[in-house]
């Protein structure tokens, strides 16, 4: 498996590629948000040019982050992976479009306040089973953790709890959970060693933490 990070470039793919290699990754996945301007930007042709920088040391992948409304018209063949941004209709979306989805991101944000005795991590046993049956992985973002830590300590604590809950659910239902930086520049990226250490603090076993940074 490639040791990989998922990032959102802003016309700085080459810089991020170099940073990933220096931080101990053997692969990098450039993620792009779905919008009507993708065709105008000629992104598929641009990705083909970026792939020319691939080497034996580091592989290059591409992913598209989409919302439910965009899945029906999506041409998945142009990208290696499709990441669904979760919403409250997650269970229904997975039932209808599971064949088009590789990852689910943001489930921790779709519910309201946690109750006294449980955390609303955005997934339940039905969603977990759908993801398991269709080989869909959960994605957790370092960028979300950093942003919530600076903006709202209470929300940060809530997010930590929900991520820990999803780690437990992923273990119980044998799901893949991937931890990524979603960085937009090299300063938002972290070494694999730092990422693994954080995941262990959040409740992962060392092997689980290493697998969470691989594809």
N, C-alpha and C. Protein backbone atom coordinates (compact mmCIF):
# COMPACT_ATOMS: atom_id res chain seq x y z
N UNK A 1 0.84 -1.20 0.00
CA UNK A 1 0.00 0.00 0.00
C UNK A 1 0.87 1.25 0.00
N UNK A 2 0.42 2.28 -0.72
CA UNK A 2 1.14 3.55 -0.75
C UNK A 2 0.87 4.34 0.53
N UNK A 3 1.91 4.97 1.05
CA UNK A 3 1.78 5.89 2.18
C UNK A 3 1.35 7.23 1.60
N UNK A 4 0.11 7.61 1.82
CA UNK A 4 -0.48 8.68 1.00
C UNK A 4 -1.16 9.75 1.85
N UNK A 5 -1.19 10.98 1.31
CA UNK A 5 -1.95 12.07 1.90
C UNK A 5 -2.87 12.64 0.83
N UNK A 6 -4.04 13.13 1.24
CA UNK A 6 -4.99 13.77 0.34
C UNK A 6 -4.97 15.26 0.62
N UNK A 7 -4.79 16.06 -0.43
CA UNK A 7 -4.65 17.50 -0.27
C UNK A 7 -5.44 18.23 -1.35
N UNK A 8 -5.76 19.50 -1.07
CA UNK A 8 -6.50 20.34 -2.00
C UNK A 8 -5.57 21.40 -2.59
N UNK A 9 -5.03 21.17 -3.77
CA UNK A 9 -4.08 22.13 -4.35
C UNK A 9 -4.78 23.39 -4.85
N UNK A 10 -4.00 24.45 -4.94
CA UNK A 10 -4.47 25.71 -5.49
C UNK A 10 -3.43 26.20 -6.49
N UNK A 11 -3.36 25.49 -7.61
CA UNK A 11 -2.35 25.75 -8.64
C UNK A 11 -0.93 25.59 -8.09
N UNK A 12 -0.76 24.73 -7.08
CA UNK A 12 0.56 24.53 -6.48
C UNK A 12 0.89 23.04 -6.36
N UNK A 13 0.44 22.25 -7.33
CA UNK A 13 0.62 20.81 -7.26
C UNK A 13 2.08 20.38 -7.14
N UNK A 14 2.95 21.02 -7.90
CA UNK A 14 4.36 20.61 -7.89
C UNK A 14 4.99 20.87 -6.52
N UNK A 15 4.66 21.99 -5.90
CA UNK A 15 5.18 22.30 -4.57
C UNK A 15 4.71 21.27 -3.55
N UNK A 16 3.44 20.89 -3.62
CA UNK A 16 2.89 19.92 -2.69
C UNK A 16 3.47 18.53 -2.92
N UNK A 17 3.74 18.22 -4.16
CA UNK A 17 4.35 16.93 -4.50
C UNK A 17 5.73 16.81 -3.86
N UNK A 18 6.50 17.86 -3.96
CA UNK A 18 7.84 17.88 -3.36
C UNK A 18 7.76 17.78 -1.84
N UNK A 19 6.80 18.49 -1.23
CA UNK A 19 6.64 18.46 0.22
C UNK A 19 6.24 17.07 0.70
N UNK A 20 5.35 16.41 -0.04
CA UNK A 20 4.90 15.07 0.35
C UNK A 20 6.05 14.08 0.39
N UNK A 21 6.91 14.15 -0.61
CA UNK A 21 8.06 13.25 -0.65
C UNK A 21 8.98 13.50 0.55
N UNK A 22 9.16 14.76 0.91
CA UNK A 22 10.02 15.10 2.04
C UNK A 22 9.45 14.71 3.39
N UNK A 23 8.12 14.54 3.46
CA UNK A 23 7.46 14.19 4.72
C UNK A 23 7.25 12.68 4.88
N UNK A 24 7.79 11.91 3.95
CA UNK A 24 7.75 10.46 4.11
C UNK A 24 6.61 9.75 3.41
N UNK A 25 5.93 10.43 2.48
CA UNK A 25 4.84 9.80 1.75
C UNK A 25 5.35 9.20 0.44
N UNK A 26 4.75 8.09 0.04
CA UNK A 26 5.10 7.48 -1.24
C UNK A 26 4.01 7.72 -2.28
N UNK A 27 2.97 8.45 -1.88
CA UNK A 27 1.89 8.78 -2.80
C UNK A 27 1.19 10.06 -2.36
N UNK A 28 0.58 10.73 -3.30
CA UNK A 28 -0.18 11.95 -2.99
C UNK A 28 -1.44 11.95 -3.85
N UNK A 29 -2.54 12.37 -3.25
CA UNK A 29 -3.81 12.44 -3.98
C UNK A 29 -4.27 13.89 -4.00
N UNK A 30 -4.34 14.45 -5.20
CA UNK A 30 -4.83 15.82 -5.37
C UNK A 30 -6.35 15.79 -5.44
N UNK A 31 -6.99 16.52 -4.54
CA UNK A 31 -8.45 16.55 -4.46
C UNK A 31 -8.98 17.89 -4.99
N UNK A 32 -10.10 17.81 -5.66
CA UNK A 32 -10.72 19.01 -6.23
C UNK A 32 -12.21 18.99 -5.91
N UNK A 33 -12.76 20.15 -5.60
CA UNK A 33 -14.18 20.26 -5.35
C UNK A 33 -14.96 20.30 -6.65
N UNK A 34 -16.09 19.61 -6.68
CA UNK A 34 -16.90 19.58 -7.90
C UNK A 34 -17.64 20.90 -8.07
N UNK A 35 -17.50 21.50 -9.25
CA UNK A 35 -18.31 22.67 -9.60
C UNK A 35 -18.41 22.75 -11.12
N UNK A 36 -19.23 23.66 -11.58
CA UNK A 36 -19.50 23.77 -13.01
C UNK A 36 -18.29 24.23 -13.80
N UNK A 37 -17.28 24.75 -13.14
CA UNK A 37 -16.11 25.28 -13.84
C UNK A 37 -15.03 24.23 -14.10
N UNK A 38 -15.24 23.00 -13.64
CA UNK A 38 -14.22 21.98 -13.82
C UNK A 38 -13.91 21.76 -15.30
N UNK A 39 -14.94 21.73 -16.12
CA UNK A 39 -14.72 21.51 -17.55
C UNK A 39 -13.99 22.70 -18.16
N UNK A 40 -14.38 23.91 -17.76
CA UNK A 40 -13.72 25.11 -18.28
C UNK A 40 -12.24 25.13 -17.90
N UNK A 41 -11.93 24.61 -16.73
CA UNK A 41 -10.54 24.58 -16.29
C UNK A 41 -9.74 23.48 -16.98
N UNK A 42 -10.43 22.64 -17.75
CA UNK A 42 -9.77 21.54 -18.45
C UNK A 42 -8.96 20.69 -17.48
N UNK A 43 -9.58 20.38 -16.36
CA UNK A 43 -8.88 19.68 -15.29
C UNK A 43 -8.36 18.30 -15.69
N UNK A 44 -9.12 17.48 -16.42
CA UNK A 44 -8.58 16.17 -16.80
C UNK A 44 -7.26 16.27 -17.57
N UNK A 45 -7.17 17.22 -18.49
CA UNK A 45 -5.92 17.39 -19.24
C UNK A 45 -4.79 17.87 -18.33
N UNK A 46 -5.16 18.72 -17.40
CA UNK A 46 -4.16 19.22 -16.45
C UNK A 46 -3.64 18.09 -15.56
N UNK A 47 -4.55 17.23 -15.13
CA UNK A 47 -4.15 16.09 -14.30
C UNK A 47 -3.22 15.16 -15.07
N UNK A 48 -3.48 15.01 -16.34
CA UNK A 48 -2.62 14.17 -17.17
C UNK A 48 -1.20 14.72 -17.20
N UNK A 49 -1.07 16.04 -17.28
CA UNK A 49 0.25 16.67 -17.27
C UNK A 49 0.94 16.50 -15.91
N UNK A 50 0.15 16.62 -14.84
CA UNK A 50 0.71 16.46 -13.50
C UNK A 50 1.23 15.04 -13.30
N UNK A 51 0.52 14.07 -13.87
CA UNK A 51 0.92 12.66 -13.74
C UNK A 51 2.31 12.41 -14.30
N UNK A 52 2.76 13.28 -15.18
CA UNK A 52 4.09 13.11 -15.77
C UNK A 52 5.19 13.29 -14.72
N UNK A 53 4.85 13.90 -13.58
CA UNK A 53 5.83 14.09 -12.50
C UNK A 53 5.91 12.86 -11.59
N UNK A 54 5.08 11.86 -11.87
CA UNK A 54 5.10 10.64 -11.07
C UNK A 54 6.44 9.94 -11.24
N UNK A 55 6.91 9.32 -10.16
CA UNK A 55 8.20 8.63 -10.21
C UNK A 55 8.12 7.35 -9.38
N UNK A 56 9.23 6.64 -9.31
CA UNK A 56 9.27 5.43 -8.48
C UNK A 56 9.12 5.78 -7.00
N UNK A 57 9.51 6.99 -6.62
CA UNK A 57 9.46 7.39 -5.21
C UNK A 57 8.07 7.82 -4.78
N UNK A 58 7.30 8.41 -5.68
CA UNK A 58 5.98 8.92 -5.28
C UNK A 58 4.98 8.79 -6.43
N UNK A 59 3.81 8.25 -6.11
CA UNK A 59 2.74 8.09 -7.08
C UNK A 59 1.72 9.22 -6.91
N UNK A 60 1.02 9.52 -8.00
CA UNK A 60 0.06 10.62 -8.00
C UNK A 60 -1.34 10.09 -8.31
N UNK A 61 -2.29 10.48 -7.47
CA UNK A 61 -3.69 10.11 -7.66
C UNK A 61 -4.54 11.38 -7.71
N UNK A 62 -5.79 11.22 -8.14
CA UNK A 62 -6.71 12.36 -8.18
C UNK A 62 -8.04 11.96 -7.56
N UNK A 63 -8.71 12.93 -6.95
CA UNK A 63 -10.01 12.68 -6.32
C UNK A 63 -10.92 13.88 -6.51
N UNK A 64 -12.20 13.62 -6.48
CA UNK A 64 -13.21 14.67 -6.60
C UNK A 64 -14.10 14.64 -5.37
N UNK A 65 -14.23 15.79 -4.70
CA UNK A 65 -15.13 15.92 -3.55
C UNK A 65 -16.48 16.41 -4.05
N UNK A 66 -17.54 15.63 -3.81
CA UNK A 66 -18.85 15.96 -4.36
C UNK A 66 -19.91 15.93 -3.27
N UNK A 67 -20.98 16.67 -3.52
CA UNK A 67 -22.17 16.59 -2.68
C UNK A 67 -23.17 15.66 -3.36
N UNK A 68 -24.19 15.28 -2.62
CA UNK A 68 -25.17 14.31 -3.11
C UNK A 68 -25.78 14.73 -4.46
N UNK A 69 -26.09 16.02 -4.61
CA UNK A 69 -26.79 16.49 -5.81
C UNK A 69 -25.96 16.34 -7.08
N UNK A 70 -24.64 16.19 -6.94
CA UNK A 70 -23.76 16.10 -8.11
C UNK A 70 -23.47 14.67 -8.53
N UNK A 71 -23.87 13.69 -7.73
CA UNK A 71 -23.48 12.31 -8.00
C UNK A 71 -24.11 11.75 -9.27
N UNK A 72 -25.35 12.14 -9.55
CA UNK A 72 -26.07 11.56 -10.67
C UNK A 72 -25.41 11.89 -12.01
N UNK A 73 -24.84 13.09 -12.15
CA UNK A 73 -24.23 13.50 -13.41
C UNK A 73 -22.72 13.33 -13.41
N UNK A 74 -22.20 12.68 -12.40
CA UNK A 74 -20.75 12.56 -12.25
C UNK A 74 -20.18 11.50 -13.19
N UNK A 75 -19.08 11.86 -13.86
CA UNK A 75 -18.32 10.90 -14.65
C UNK A 75 -17.10 10.48 -13.85
N UNK A 76 -17.21 9.36 -13.18
CA UNK A 76 -16.16 8.93 -12.25
C UNK A 76 -14.86 8.56 -12.96
N UNK A 77 -14.93 8.20 -14.22
CA UNK A 77 -13.75 7.68 -14.92
C UNK A 77 -12.61 8.69 -15.00
N UNK A 78 -12.91 9.97 -14.85
CA UNK A 78 -11.88 11.00 -14.98
C UNK A 78 -11.02 11.11 -13.73
N UNK A 79 -11.43 10.48 -12.63
CA UNK A 79 -10.70 10.58 -11.37
C UNK A 79 -10.48 9.20 -10.77
N UNK A 80 -9.43 9.09 -9.97
CA UNK A 80 -9.16 7.81 -9.32
C UNK A 80 -10.16 7.53 -8.21
N UNK A 81 -10.59 8.58 -7.50
CA UNK A 81 -11.48 8.39 -6.36
C UNK A 81 -12.56 9.47 -6.33
N UNK A 82 -13.70 9.11 -5.75
CA UNK A 82 -14.78 10.07 -5.50
C UNK A 82 -15.04 10.10 -4.00
N UNK A 83 -15.04 11.32 -3.44
CA UNK A 83 -15.26 11.52 -2.01
C UNK A 83 -16.62 12.20 -1.83
N UNK A 84 -17.51 11.56 -1.12
CA UNK A 84 -18.83 12.15 -0.85
C UNK A 84 -18.77 13.00 0.40
N UNK A 85 -19.21 14.25 0.28
CA UNK A 85 -19.37 15.10 1.46
C UNK A 85 -20.70 14.75 2.12
N UNK A 86 -20.64 14.22 3.32
CA UNK A 86 -21.82 13.68 3.98
C UNK A 86 -22.83 14.75 4.33
N UNK A 87 -24.11 14.37 4.29
CA UNK A 87 -25.18 15.22 4.81
C UNK A 87 -26.18 14.33 5.55
N UNK A 88 -27.29 14.90 5.95
CA UNK A 88 -28.25 14.14 6.76
C UNK A 88 -28.92 13.02 5.98
N UNK A 89 -28.80 13.02 4.65
CA UNK A 89 -29.36 11.96 3.82
C UNK A 89 -28.33 10.88 3.50
N UNK A 90 -27.30 10.76 4.33
CA UNK A 90 -26.19 9.87 4.02
C UNK A 90 -26.64 8.44 3.74
N UNK A 91 -27.51 7.91 4.56
CA UNK A 91 -27.95 6.52 4.37
C UNK A 91 -28.63 6.34 3.02
N UNK A 92 -29.51 7.26 2.65
CA UNK A 92 -30.21 7.19 1.37
C UNK A 92 -29.24 7.37 0.20
N UNK A 93 -28.28 8.28 0.35
CA UNK A 93 -27.30 8.52 -0.71
C UNK A 93 -26.45 7.28 -0.95
N UNK A 94 -26.02 6.63 0.11
CA UNK A 94 -25.22 5.41 -0.04
C UNK A 94 -26.03 4.29 -0.68
N UNK A 95 -27.30 4.22 -0.36
CA UNK A 95 -28.16 3.20 -0.96
C UNK A 95 -28.29 3.41 -2.47
N UNK A 96 -28.39 4.65 -2.90
CA UNK A 96 -28.61 4.96 -4.32
C UNK A 96 -27.32 4.99 -5.15
N UNK A 97 -26.25 5.51 -4.57
CA UNK A 97 -25.06 5.82 -5.37
C UNK A 97 -23.78 5.14 -4.88
N UNK A 98 -23.89 4.07 -4.13
CA UNK A 98 -22.70 3.47 -3.52
C UNK A 98 -21.63 3.09 -4.54
N UNK A 99 -22.04 2.72 -5.74
CA UNK A 99 -21.05 2.29 -6.75
C UNK A 99 -20.19 3.44 -7.24
N UNK A 100 -20.63 4.66 -7.02
CA UNK A 100 -19.86 5.82 -7.48
C UNK A 100 -18.97 6.40 -6.38
N UNK A 101 -19.06 5.88 -5.17
CA UNK A 101 -18.41 6.51 -4.01
C UNK A 101 -17.28 5.64 -3.49
N UNK A 102 -16.14 6.27 -3.22
CA UNK A 102 -15.00 5.57 -2.62
C UNK A 102 -14.80 5.94 -1.15
N UNK A 103 -15.10 7.21 -0.82
CA UNK A 103 -14.89 7.71 0.54
C UNK A 103 -16.08 8.55 0.98
N UNK A 104 -16.33 8.56 2.29
CA UNK A 104 -17.31 9.47 2.88
C UNK A 104 -16.57 10.39 3.84
N UNK A 105 -16.77 11.68 3.65
CA UNK A 105 -16.08 12.69 4.48
C UNK A 105 -17.09 13.58 5.20
N UNK A 106 -16.78 13.93 6.44
CA UNK A 106 -17.56 14.94 7.15
C UNK A 106 -18.76 14.44 7.91
N UNK A 107 -18.85 13.14 8.16
CA UNK A 107 -20.02 12.63 8.88
C UNK A 107 -20.11 13.20 10.29
N UNK A 108 -18.98 13.62 10.84
CA UNK A 108 -18.96 14.16 12.21
C UNK A 108 -19.70 15.49 12.34
N UNK A 109 -20.01 16.12 11.20
CA UNK A 109 -20.59 17.47 11.23
C UNK A 109 -22.09 17.50 10.92
N UNK A 110 -22.70 16.35 10.63
CA UNK A 110 -24.08 16.39 10.12
C UNK A 110 -25.14 16.33 11.22
N UNK A 111 -24.74 16.05 12.44
CA UNK A 111 -25.70 15.97 13.54
C UNK A 111 -25.58 17.17 14.46
N UNK A 112 -26.59 17.36 15.28
CA UNK A 112 -26.59 18.47 16.24
C UNK A 112 -25.75 18.15 17.46
N UNK A 113 -26.17 18.67 18.60
CA UNK A 113 -25.42 18.47 19.83
C UNK A 113 -25.50 17.02 20.29
N UNK A 114 -24.42 16.55 20.91
CA UNK A 114 -24.41 15.21 21.47
C UNK A 114 -25.34 15.14 22.67
N UNK A 115 -25.88 13.94 22.90
CA UNK A 115 -26.69 13.73 24.10
C UNK A 115 -25.77 13.44 25.28
N UNK A 116 -26.35 13.30 26.44
CA UNK A 116 -25.55 13.11 27.65
C UNK A 116 -24.76 11.81 27.62
N UNK A 117 -25.34 10.77 27.01
CA UNK A 117 -24.73 9.44 27.08
C UNK A 117 -24.22 8.92 25.74
N UNK A 118 -24.32 9.70 24.68
CA UNK A 118 -23.84 9.20 23.38
C UNK A 118 -23.38 10.35 22.50
N UNK A 119 -22.51 10.00 21.53
CA UNK A 119 -22.00 10.98 20.58
C UNK A 119 -22.65 10.76 19.22
N UNK A 120 -23.05 11.85 18.58
CA UNK A 120 -23.68 11.77 17.26
C UNK A 120 -22.60 11.91 16.19
N UNK A 121 -21.97 10.78 15.88
CA UNK A 121 -20.82 10.82 14.97
C UNK A 121 -21.22 10.79 13.50
N UNK A 122 -22.54 10.74 13.21
CA UNK A 122 -23.00 10.83 11.83
C UNK A 122 -23.19 9.50 11.14
N UNK A 123 -22.78 8.41 11.75
CA UNK A 123 -22.99 7.09 11.15
C UNK A 123 -23.63 6.16 12.18
N UNK A 124 -24.39 5.19 11.67
CA UNK A 124 -24.99 4.18 12.53
C UNK A 124 -24.71 2.79 11.94
N UNK A 125 -25.30 1.76 12.51
CA UNK A 125 -24.99 0.40 12.05
C UNK A 125 -25.42 0.17 10.60
N UNK A 126 -26.52 0.81 10.17
CA UNK A 126 -26.97 0.64 8.78
C UNK A 126 -25.97 1.27 7.82
N UNK A 127 -25.54 2.50 8.12
CA UNK A 127 -24.55 3.18 7.28
C UNK A 127 -23.24 2.39 7.27
N UNK A 128 -22.82 1.91 8.42
CA UNK A 128 -21.58 1.13 8.49
C UNK A 128 -21.66 -0.12 7.62
N UNK A 129 -22.79 -0.81 7.66
CA UNK A 129 -22.95 -2.01 6.85
C UNK A 129 -22.95 -1.70 5.36
N UNK A 130 -23.60 -0.59 4.98
CA UNK A 130 -23.59 -0.18 3.57
C UNK A 130 -22.17 0.13 3.10
N UNK A 131 -21.41 0.81 3.94
CA UNK A 131 -20.03 1.15 3.58
C UNK A 131 -19.17 -0.11 3.49
N UNK A 132 -19.36 -1.03 4.41
CA UNK A 132 -18.60 -2.28 4.40
C UNK A 132 -18.91 -3.08 3.14
N UNK A 133 -20.19 -3.21 2.82
CA UNK A 133 -20.61 -4.00 1.65
C UNK A 133 -20.07 -3.44 0.35
N UNK A 134 -19.88 -2.12 0.29
CA UNK A 134 -19.47 -1.47 -0.95
C UNK A 134 -18.02 -0.96 -0.91
N UNK A 135 -17.28 -1.40 0.10
CA UNK A 135 -15.86 -1.05 0.22
C UNK A 135 -15.64 0.47 0.20
N UNK A 136 -16.46 1.19 0.96
CA UNK A 136 -16.36 2.64 1.07
C UNK A 136 -15.67 2.98 2.40
N UNK A 137 -14.70 3.87 2.34
CA UNK A 137 -13.93 4.24 3.53
C UNK A 137 -14.42 5.56 4.12
N UNK A 138 -14.23 5.73 5.41
CA UNK A 138 -14.46 7.02 6.07
C UNK A 138 -13.19 7.86 5.97
N UNK A 139 -13.37 9.16 5.86
CA UNK A 139 -12.23 10.09 5.82
C UNK A 139 -12.36 11.10 6.95
N UNK A 140 -11.27 11.28 7.68
CA UNK A 140 -11.19 12.28 8.74
C UNK A 140 -10.07 13.25 8.37
N UNK A 141 -10.32 14.54 8.57
CA UNK A 141 -9.40 15.59 8.10
C UNK A 141 -8.68 16.28 9.26
N UNK A 142 -7.36 16.34 9.16
CA UNK A 142 -6.56 17.10 10.12
C UNK A 142 -6.92 18.59 10.06
N UNK A 143 -7.21 19.09 8.88
CA UNK A 143 -7.55 20.50 8.72
C UNK A 143 -8.77 20.87 9.55
N UNK A 144 -9.76 19.99 9.60
CA UNK A 144 -10.95 20.26 10.41
C UNK A 144 -10.60 20.35 11.89
N UNK A 145 -9.73 19.47 12.33
CA UNK A 145 -9.31 19.50 13.74
C UNK A 145 -8.61 20.80 14.08
N UNK A 146 -7.70 21.21 13.22
CA UNK A 146 -6.93 22.44 13.47
C UNK A 146 -7.86 23.66 13.48
N UNK A 147 -8.77 23.73 12.50
CA UNK A 147 -9.69 24.87 12.41
C UNK A 147 -10.59 24.96 13.63
N UNK A 148 -11.16 23.83 14.05
CA UNK A 148 -12.07 23.85 15.20
C UNK A 148 -11.32 24.17 16.49
N UNK A 149 -10.07 23.74 16.58
CA UNK A 149 -9.27 24.02 17.77
C UNK A 149 -9.08 25.53 17.95
N UNK A 150 -8.87 26.24 16.84
CA UNK A 150 -8.62 27.68 16.91
C UNK A 150 -9.92 28.49 17.03
N UNK A 151 -11.01 27.98 16.47
CA UNK A 151 -12.25 28.76 16.42
C UNK A 151 -13.15 28.56 17.63
N UNK A 152 -13.24 27.32 18.12
CA UNK A 152 -14.21 27.02 19.17
C UNK A 152 -13.75 25.81 19.97
N UNK A 153 -13.15 26.01 21.14
CA UNK A 153 -12.66 24.89 21.95
C UNK A 153 -13.74 23.85 22.26
N UNK A 154 -14.98 24.30 22.44
CA UNK A 154 -16.06 23.37 22.74
C UNK A 154 -16.34 22.47 21.54
N UNK A 155 -16.39 23.07 20.34
CA UNK A 155 -16.60 22.28 19.13
C UNK A 155 -15.43 21.35 18.87
N UNK A 156 -14.24 21.80 19.22
CA UNK A 156 -13.04 20.97 19.05
C UNK A 156 -13.15 19.71 19.91
N UNK A 157 -13.55 19.88 21.16
CA UNK A 157 -13.71 18.72 22.05
C UNK A 157 -14.79 17.78 21.53
N UNK A 158 -15.87 18.37 21.00
CA UNK A 158 -16.96 17.56 20.44
C UNK A 158 -16.46 16.77 19.23
N UNK A 159 -15.68 17.42 18.37
CA UNK A 159 -15.16 16.76 17.18
C UNK A 159 -14.21 15.62 17.55
N UNK A 160 -13.35 15.85 18.53
CA UNK A 160 -12.45 14.79 18.99
C UNK A 160 -13.25 13.57 19.45
N UNK A 161 -14.32 13.82 20.21
CA UNK A 161 -15.14 12.73 20.70
C UNK A 161 -15.82 11.96 19.57
N UNK A 162 -16.30 12.69 18.57
CA UNK A 162 -16.98 12.03 17.45
C UNK A 162 -16.01 11.23 16.59
N UNK A 163 -14.81 11.75 16.40
CA UNK A 163 -13.80 11.00 15.66
C UNK A 163 -13.44 9.72 16.40
N UNK A 164 -13.27 9.84 17.71
CA UNK A 164 -12.97 8.65 18.52
C UNK A 164 -14.10 7.62 18.42
N UNK A 165 -15.34 8.11 18.38
CA UNK A 165 -16.49 7.21 18.23
C UNK A 165 -16.45 6.51 16.88
N UNK A 166 -16.10 7.22 15.83
CA UNK A 166 -16.04 6.60 14.51
C UNK A 166 -14.88 5.63 14.38
N UNK A 167 -13.81 5.87 15.12
CA UNK A 167 -12.71 4.90 15.16
C UNK A 167 -13.21 3.59 15.76
N UNK A 168 -14.00 3.68 16.82
CA UNK A 168 -14.56 2.49 17.45
C UNK A 168 -15.50 1.76 16.49
N UNK A 169 -16.36 2.53 15.79
CA UNK A 169 -17.30 1.93 14.84
C UNK A 169 -16.56 1.28 13.67
N UNK A 170 -15.52 1.95 13.18
CA UNK A 170 -14.74 1.39 12.08
C UNK A 170 -14.11 0.06 12.49
N UNK A 171 -13.63 -0.01 13.70
CA UNK A 171 -13.04 -1.26 14.20
C UNK A 171 -14.11 -2.35 14.32
N UNK A 172 -15.27 -1.98 14.86
CA UNK A 172 -16.35 -2.95 15.07
C UNK A 172 -16.86 -3.53 13.76
N UNK A 173 -17.03 -2.67 12.75
CA UNK A 173 -17.61 -3.12 11.48
C UNK A 173 -16.55 -3.39 10.41
N UNK A 174 -15.28 -3.37 10.83
CA UNK A 174 -14.16 -3.66 9.92
C UNK A 174 -14.16 -2.73 8.70
N UNK A 175 -14.35 -1.43 8.97
CA UNK A 175 -14.30 -0.41 7.92
C UNK A 175 -12.91 0.19 7.83
N UNK A 176 -12.59 0.70 6.66
CA UNK A 176 -11.36 1.47 6.50
C UNK A 176 -11.63 2.92 6.90
N UNK A 177 -10.79 3.46 7.76
CA UNK A 177 -10.87 4.87 8.12
C UNK A 177 -9.55 5.52 7.74
N UNK A 178 -9.63 6.55 6.91
CA UNK A 178 -8.42 7.22 6.43
C UNK A 178 -8.29 8.60 7.07
N UNK A 179 -7.08 8.92 7.47
CA UNK A 179 -6.80 10.22 8.09
C UNK A 179 -5.91 11.01 7.15
N UNK A 180 -6.36 12.19 6.76
CA UNK A 180 -5.67 12.98 5.73
C UNK A 180 -5.53 14.42 6.21
N UNK A 181 -4.61 15.15 5.59
CA UNK A 181 -4.42 16.55 6.01
C UNK A 181 -5.44 17.49 5.37
N UNK A 182 -5.85 17.21 4.12
CA UNK A 182 -6.66 18.15 3.33
C UNK A 182 -6.00 19.52 3.27
N UNK A 183 -4.69 19.54 3.32
CA UNK A 183 -3.93 20.80 3.29
C UNK A 183 -4.09 21.48 1.93
N UNK A 184 -3.96 22.81 1.93
CA UNK A 184 -3.99 23.59 0.69
C UNK A 184 -2.60 24.09 0.31
N UNK A 185 -1.67 24.00 1.25
CA UNK A 185 -0.28 24.36 0.96
C UNK A 185 0.63 23.47 1.81
N UNK A 186 1.92 23.58 1.60
CA UNK A 186 2.86 22.68 2.29
C UNK A 186 2.87 22.90 3.80
N UNK A 187 2.47 24.09 4.24
CA UNK A 187 2.48 24.39 5.67
C UNK A 187 1.35 23.67 6.42
N UNK A 188 0.35 23.24 5.70
CA UNK A 188 -0.74 22.49 6.33
C UNK A 188 -0.50 21.00 6.38
N UNK A 189 0.57 20.55 5.77
CA UNK A 189 0.89 19.13 5.77
C UNK A 189 1.69 18.76 7.02
N UNK A 190 1.62 17.49 7.40
CA UNK A 190 2.36 16.99 8.55
C UNK A 190 3.05 15.68 8.18
N UNK A 191 4.10 15.36 8.90
CA UNK A 191 4.81 14.11 8.64
C UNK A 191 3.94 12.92 9.03
N UNK A 192 4.22 11.77 8.44
CA UNK A 192 3.48 10.56 8.79
C UNK A 192 3.64 10.24 10.28
N UNK A 193 4.83 10.48 10.80
CA UNK A 193 5.08 10.20 12.22
C UNK A 193 4.14 11.00 13.11
N UNK A 194 3.97 12.28 12.80
CA UNK A 194 3.08 13.14 13.60
C UNK A 194 1.62 12.70 13.47
N UNK A 195 1.22 12.34 12.26
CA UNK A 195 -0.17 11.92 12.02
C UNK A 195 -0.47 10.62 12.77
N UNK A 196 0.46 9.68 12.72
CA UNK A 196 0.28 8.41 13.42
C UNK A 196 0.17 8.63 14.92
N UNK A 197 1.02 9.50 15.46
CA UNK A 197 1.00 9.79 16.90
C UNK A 197 -0.36 10.35 17.32
N UNK A 198 -0.92 11.25 16.51
CA UNK A 198 -2.22 11.84 16.83
C UNK A 198 -3.32 10.78 16.81
N UNK A 199 -3.29 9.90 15.82
CA UNK A 199 -4.31 8.86 15.72
C UNK A 199 -4.27 7.91 16.91
N UNK A 200 -3.09 7.62 17.39
CA UNK A 200 -2.97 6.76 18.57
C UNK A 200 -3.59 7.44 19.78
N UNK A 201 -3.38 8.75 19.91
CA UNK A 201 -4.01 9.51 21.00
C UNK A 201 -5.53 9.46 20.89
N UNK A 202 -6.04 9.46 19.65
CA UNK A 202 -7.49 9.43 19.42
C UNK A 202 -8.09 8.05 19.62
N UNK A 203 -7.24 7.04 19.81
CA UNK A 203 -7.78 5.72 20.13
C UNK A 203 -7.44 4.60 19.17
N UNK A 204 -6.66 4.88 18.15
CA UNK A 204 -6.28 3.83 17.21
C UNK A 204 -5.12 3.00 17.75
N UNK A 205 -5.09 1.72 17.37
CA UNK A 205 -3.92 0.91 17.60
C UNK A 205 -2.84 1.33 16.60
N UNK A 206 -1.56 1.11 16.90
CA UNK A 206 -0.49 1.53 15.98
C UNK A 206 -0.67 1.03 14.55
N UNK A 207 -1.05 -0.23 14.37
CA UNK A 207 -1.24 -0.75 13.00
C UNK A 207 -2.41 -0.06 12.32
N UNK A 208 -3.48 0.19 13.06
CA UNK A 208 -4.63 0.90 12.50
C UNK A 208 -4.21 2.29 12.05
N UNK A 209 -3.39 2.96 12.85
CA UNK A 209 -2.94 4.31 12.52
C UNK A 209 -2.11 4.31 11.24
N UNK A 210 -1.24 3.34 11.08
CA UNK A 210 -0.42 3.26 9.86
C UNK A 210 -1.30 2.97 8.65
N UNK A 211 -2.28 2.08 8.81
CA UNK A 211 -3.19 1.76 7.71
C UNK A 211 -4.05 2.96 7.33
N UNK A 212 -4.35 3.83 8.31
CA UNK A 212 -5.18 5.01 8.04
C UNK A 212 -4.48 6.02 7.15
N UNK A 213 -3.17 5.90 7.00
CA UNK A 213 -2.40 6.80 6.15
C UNK A 213 -1.94 6.12 4.87
N UNK A 214 -2.60 5.02 4.52
CA UNK A 214 -2.20 4.25 3.34
C UNK A 214 -3.40 3.96 2.46
N UNK A 215 -3.11 3.70 1.18
CA UNK A 215 -4.14 3.28 0.24
C UNK A 215 -3.68 2.00 -0.45
